[in-house]
Amino acid sequence: MSEVIIIGLDIAKHVFHVHGADGQGRAMFSKRISRGKRRDFFATQPSCTVALEACGGAHHRARQLAQLGHEVRLIPPAYVKPFAKPAKQ
């Protein structure tokens, strides 16, 4: 059974999107979690790398995740933009 080694976290005001991948890049899960359940979700996950876009509140969230044993990588917004899909196509 594959284990999640990296989690991508898309932060927003009320709902966060979480995507997990294994060592070969295969998607393990993709889910939405509310602000109140974010900490509980990461507390149940095994220690792994968590990547999120650097912004004003990202540093605070990064410290919280690091306290839970995760390695946090803050990605500059310029590197995240190519992955964003436009709402209108």
Protein backbone atom coordinates (compact mmCIF):
# COMPACT_ATOMS: atom_id res chain seq x y z
CA MET A 1 0.00 0.00 0.00
CA SER A 2 1.32 3.43 -0.95
CA GLU A 3 1.86 6.10 1.66
CA VAL A 4 1.28 9.81 1.21
CA ILE A 5 4.61 11.65 1.14
CA ILE A 6 3.48 15.09 -0.04
CA ILE A 7 0.34 17.10 0.58
CA GLY A 8 -0.60 20.23 -1.34
CA LEU A 9 -2.70 22.68 0.66
CA ASP A 10 -4.69 25.42 -1.08
CA ILE A 11 -5.67 27.91 1.60
CA ALA A 12 -8.74 30.11 1.47
CA LYS A 13 -11.02 31.91 3.91
CA HIS A 14 -13.48 29.16 4.80
CA VAL A 15 -12.69 25.94 2.90
CA PHE A 16 -9.25 24.44 2.25
CA HIS A 17 -8.47 22.03 -0.60
CA VAL A 18 -6.06 19.24 0.25
CA HIS A 19 -4.35 16.97 -2.29
CA GLY A 20 -2.14 14.04 -1.31
CA ALA A 21 0.33 12.16 -3.51
CA ASP A 22 2.56 9.13 -3.04
CA GLY A 23 6.24 8.76 -3.91
CA GLN A 24 5.52 8.17 -7.59
CA GLY A 25 3.27 11.21 -7.95
CA ARG A 26 -0.02 9.32 -8.01
CA ALA A 27 -2.94 11.12 -6.40
CA MET A 28 -3.98 9.43 -3.15
CA PHE A 29 -6.77 11.82 -2.18
CA SER A 30 -8.29 15.17 -3.02
CA LYS A 31 -10.74 16.66 -0.57
CA ARG A 32 -12.19 19.83 0.85
CA ILE A 33 -11.92 20.49 4.55
CA SER A 34 -13.33 23.31 6.62
CA ARG A 35 -11.19 25.74 8.58
CA GLY A 36 -12.11 24.14 11.90
CA LYS A 37 -11.18 20.62 10.80
CA ARG A 38 -7.85 21.48 9.16
CA ARG A 39 -5.73 20.95 12.28
CA ASP A 40 -7.50 17.67 13.14
CA PHE A 41 -6.95 16.41 9.59
CA PHE A 42 -3.20 17.08 9.65
CA ALA A 43 -2.87 15.64 13.15
CA THR A 44 -4.08 12.27 11.82
CA GLN A 45 -1.75 12.28 8.79
CA PRO A 46 1.70 10.68 9.01
CA SER A 47 4.62 13.11 8.93
CA CYS A 48 5.16 14.27 5.37
CA THR A 49 5.98 17.33 3.26
CA VAL A 50 3.23 19.94 3.06
CA ALA A 51 3.44 22.51 0.25
CA LEU A 52 1.41 25.72 0.29
CA GLU A 53 1.50 29.09 -1.39
CA ALA A 54 3.36 31.78 0.56
CA CYS A 55 1.03 34.59 1.59
CA GLY A 56 0.25 36.65 4.66
CA GLY A 57 -1.32 33.85 6.70
CA ALA A 58 0.79 31.01 5.32
CA HIS A 59 3.64 31.49 7.78
CA HIS A 60 1.31 31.08 10.74
CA ARG A 61 -0.19 27.92 9.25
CA ALA A 62 3.30 26.63 8.44
CA ARG A 63 4.33 26.95 12.09
CA GLN A 64 1.20 25.07 13.19
CA LEU A 65 1.88 22.25 10.72
CA ALA A 66 5.54 22.06 11.76
CA GLN A 67 4.45 21.58 15.38
CA LEU A 68 2.49 18.52 14.22
CA GLY A 69 5.70 17.03 12.75
CA HIS A 70 5.29 17.93 9.08
CA GLU A 71 7.95 19.48 6.89
CA VAL A 72 6.43 22.63 5.39
CA ARG A 73 7.50 24.18 2.08
CA LEU A 74 6.22 27.65 1.21
CA ILE A 75 6.00 28.12 -2.55
CA PRO A 76 6.31 31.63 -4.06
CA PRO A 77 3.09 32.77 -5.80
CA ALA A 78 4.93 33.11 -9.13
CA TYR A 79 5.57 29.34 -9.11
CA VAL A 80 2.00 28.48 -8.13
CA LYS A 81 0.30 30.55 -10.85
CA PRO A 82 1.03 28.10 -13.74
CA PHE A 83 -0.90 25.39 -11.87
CA ALA A 84 -4.00 27.54 -11.29
CA LYS A 85 -6.86 26.82 -13.66
CA PRO A 86 -8.98 29.78 -14.75
CA ALA A 87 -12.64 29.74 -13.74
CA LYS A 88 -13.73 30.62 -17.27
CA GLN A 89 -12.46 28.78 -20.33
